[in-house]
Amino acid sequence: AKQEEVLELYFGRTGHQYTVGRVPINSCDFSPQSYSFDDAADDFEMAQFDKEVTHDRDNGMIDFVRAASTKAQSIGNSVVVYGSP
């Protein structure tokens, strides 16, 4: 119920109707804990990078981004999401 309220306030008809979002790659200042998608030392080729973004998937971030997109689409908008380090 609270998640739907937040989605409406940010992306819905009665809210701000945002159309741009930012998703951090790895943890950021808003993260409840520190995490990384590649903890391998000296992995400059990023061979160990978690391409499945397991942390974000398992913690609901991917589902929330999809829900935000669906909410925006329900009123004729689309959301552009940027990944940032």
C-alpha atoms as a PDB file:
ATOM      1  CA  ALA A   1       0.000   0.000   0.000  1.00  0.00           C
ATOM      2  CA  LYS A   2       2.813   2.441   0.856  1.00  0.00           C
ATOM      3  CA  GLN A   3       4.712   1.563  -2.315  1.00  0.00           C
ATOM      4  CA  GLU A   4       1.642   2.326  -4.425  1.00  0.00           C
ATOM      5  CA  GLU A   5       1.268   5.644  -2.588  1.00  0.00           C
ATOM      6  CA  VAL A   6       4.885   6.558  -3.348  1.00  0.00           C
ATOM      7  CA  LEU A   7       4.487   5.546  -6.998  1.00  0.00           C
ATOM      8  CA  GLU A   8       1.394   7.750  -7.306  1.00  0.00           C
ATOM      9  CA  LEU A   9       3.101  10.711  -5.619  1.00  0.00           C
ATOM     10  CA  TYR A  10       6.135  10.531  -7.907  1.00  0.00           C
ATOM     11  CA  PHE A  11       4.820   9.147 -11.204  1.00  0.00           C
ATOM     12  CA  GLY A  12       1.007   9.266 -11.100  1.00  0.00           C
ATOM     13  CA  ARG A  13      -1.669  11.626 -12.324  1.00  0.00           C
ATOM     14  CA  THR A  14      -2.116  13.298  -8.914  1.00  0.00           C
ATOM     15  CA  GLY A  15       1.624  13.426  -8.216  1.00  0.00           C
ATOM     16  CA  HIS A  16       4.674  15.067  -9.750  1.00  0.00           C
ATOM     17  CA  GLN A  17       4.510  12.947 -12.925  1.00  0.00           C
ATOM     18  CA  TYR A  18       8.277  12.450 -13.055  1.00  0.00           C
ATOM     19  CA  THR A  19       9.615  11.074 -16.335  1.00  0.00           C
ATOM     20  CA  VAL A  20      13.318  10.712 -15.481  1.00  0.00           C
ATOM     21  CA  GLY A  21      14.930   8.501 -12.868  1.00  0.00           C
ATOM     22  CA  ARG A  22      18.437   7.597 -11.735  1.00  0.00           C
ATOM     23  CA  VAL A  23      19.516   4.196 -10.534  1.00  0.00           C
ATOM     24  CA  PRO A  24      22.951   3.981  -8.908  1.00  0.00           C
ATOM     25  CA  ILE A  25      25.388   1.311 -10.031  1.00  0.00           C
ATOM     26  CA  ASN A  26      26.580  -0.115  -6.701  1.00  0.00           C
ATOM     27  CA  SER A  27      25.588   1.524  -3.439  1.00  0.00           C
ATOM     28  CA  CYS A  28      25.247   5.276  -3.009  1.00  0.00           C
ATOM     29  CA  ASP A  29      24.568   7.791  -0.254  1.00  0.00           C
ATOM     30  CA  PHE A  30      20.897   6.698  -0.155  1.00  0.00           C
ATOM     31  CA  SER A  31      21.701   2.982   0.219  1.00  0.00           C
ATOM     32  CA  PRO A  32      21.016   1.420   3.612  1.00  0.00           C
ATOM     33  CA  GLN A  33      24.276  -0.548   3.252  1.00  0.00           C
ATOM     34  CA  SER A  34      27.355  -0.650   1.057  1.00  0.00           C
ATOM     35  CA  TYR A  35      27.436  -3.117  -1.835  1.00  0.00           C
ATOM     36  CA  SER A  36      29.193  -3.623  -5.143  1.00  0.00           C
ATOM     37  CA  PHE A  37      28.538  -5.552  -8.337  1.00  0.00           C
ATOM     38  CA  ASP A  38      32.235  -6.420  -8.659  1.00  0.00           C
ATOM     39  CA  ASP A  39      34.350  -6.948  -5.554  1.00  0.00           C
ATOM     40  CA  ALA A  40      37.210  -8.739  -7.340  1.00  0.00           C
ATOM     41  CA  ALA A  41      40.520  -6.965  -6.834  1.00  0.00           C
ATOM     42  CA  ASP A  42      42.189  -5.588  -9.972  1.00  0.00           C
ATOM     43  CA  ASP A  43      39.294  -6.680 -12.221  1.00  0.00           C
ATOM     44  CA  PHE A  44      39.801  -3.838 -14.689  1.00  0.00           C
ATOM     45  CA  GLU A  45      38.154  -5.841 -17.480  1.00  0.00           C
ATOM     46  CA  MET A  46      35.092  -6.271 -15.214  1.00  0.00           C
ATOM     47  CA  ALA A  47      35.073 -10.015 -15.876  1.00  0.00           C
ATOM     48  CA  GLN A  48      33.505 -10.592 -12.450  1.00  0.00           C
ATOM     49  CA  PHE A  49      30.841  -7.877 -12.807  1.00  0.00           C
ATOM     50  CA  ASP A  50      27.418  -9.183 -11.766  1.00  0.00           C
ATOM     51  CA  LYS A  51      25.517  -8.681 -15.023  1.00  0.00           C
ATOM     52  CA  GLU A  52      22.380 -10.067 -13.374  1.00  0.00           C
ATOM     53  CA  VAL A  53      22.440  -7.181 -10.841  1.00  0.00           C
ATOM     54  CA  THR A  54      21.542  -9.734  -8.184  1.00  0.00           C
ATOM     55  CA  HIS A  55      21.546  -7.247  -5.306  1.00  0.00           C
ATOM     56  CA  ASP A  56      19.063  -4.878  -6.950  1.00  0.00           C
ATOM     57  CA  ARG A  57      16.894  -7.720  -8.216  1.00  0.00           C
ATOM     58  CA  ASP A  58      16.756  -9.459  -4.833  1.00  0.00           C
ATOM     59  CA  ASN A  59      16.032  -6.220  -2.963  1.00  0.00           C
ATOM     60  CA  GLY A  60      13.148  -5.114  -5.159  1.00  0.00           C
ATOM     61  CA  MET A  61      14.794  -2.214  -6.996  1.00  0.00           C
ATOM     62  CA  ILE A  62      14.189  -3.725 -10.447  1.00  0.00           C
ATOM     63  CA  ASP A  63      10.527  -4.410  -9.615  1.00  0.00           C
ATOM     64  CA  PHE A  64      10.113  -0.851  -8.317  1.00  0.00           C
ATOM     65  CA  VAL A  65      11.591   0.667 -11.483  1.00  0.00           C
ATOM     66  CA  ARG A  66       9.223  -1.463 -13.550  1.00  0.00           C
ATOM     67  CA  ALA A  67       6.277  -0.396 -11.386  1.00  0.00           C
ATOM     68  CA  ALA A  68       7.260   3.267 -11.825  1.00  0.00           C
ATOM     69  CA  SER A  69       7.356   2.797 -15.579  1.00  0.00           C
ATOM     70  CA  THR A  70       3.934   1.124 -15.534  1.00  0.00           C
ATOM     71  CA  LYS A  71       2.491   3.935 -13.401  1.00  0.00           C
ATOM     72  CA  ALA A  72       3.833   6.588 -15.784  1.00  0.00           C
ATOM     73  CA  GLN A  73       2.546   4.692 -18.818  1.00  0.00           C
ATOM     74  CA  SER A  74      -0.918   4.516 -17.269  1.00  0.00           C
ATOM     75  CA  ILE A  75      -1.203   8.292 -17.748  1.00  0.00           C
ATOM     76  CA  GLY A  76       0.535   8.459 -21.116  1.00  0.00           C
ATOM     77  CA  ASN A  77       4.079   9.185 -19.916  1.00  0.00           C
ATOM     78  CA  SER A  78       7.259   7.157 -20.115  1.00  0.00           C
ATOM     79  CA  VAL A  79      10.163   7.068 -17.683  1.00  0.00           C
ATOM     80  CA  VAL A  80      13.789   7.305 -18.790  1.00  0.00           C
ATOM     81  CA  VAL A  81      16.111   5.650 -16.280  1.00  0.00           C
ATOM     82  CA  TYR A  82      19.825   6.466 -16.122  1.00  0.00           C
ATOM     83  CA  GLY A  83      22.382   4.239 -14.450  1.00  0.00           C
ATOM     84  CA  SER A  84      25.080   6.215 -12.668  1.00  0.00           C
ATOM     85  CA  PRO A  85      28.188   5.213 -10.745  1.00  0.00           C
END
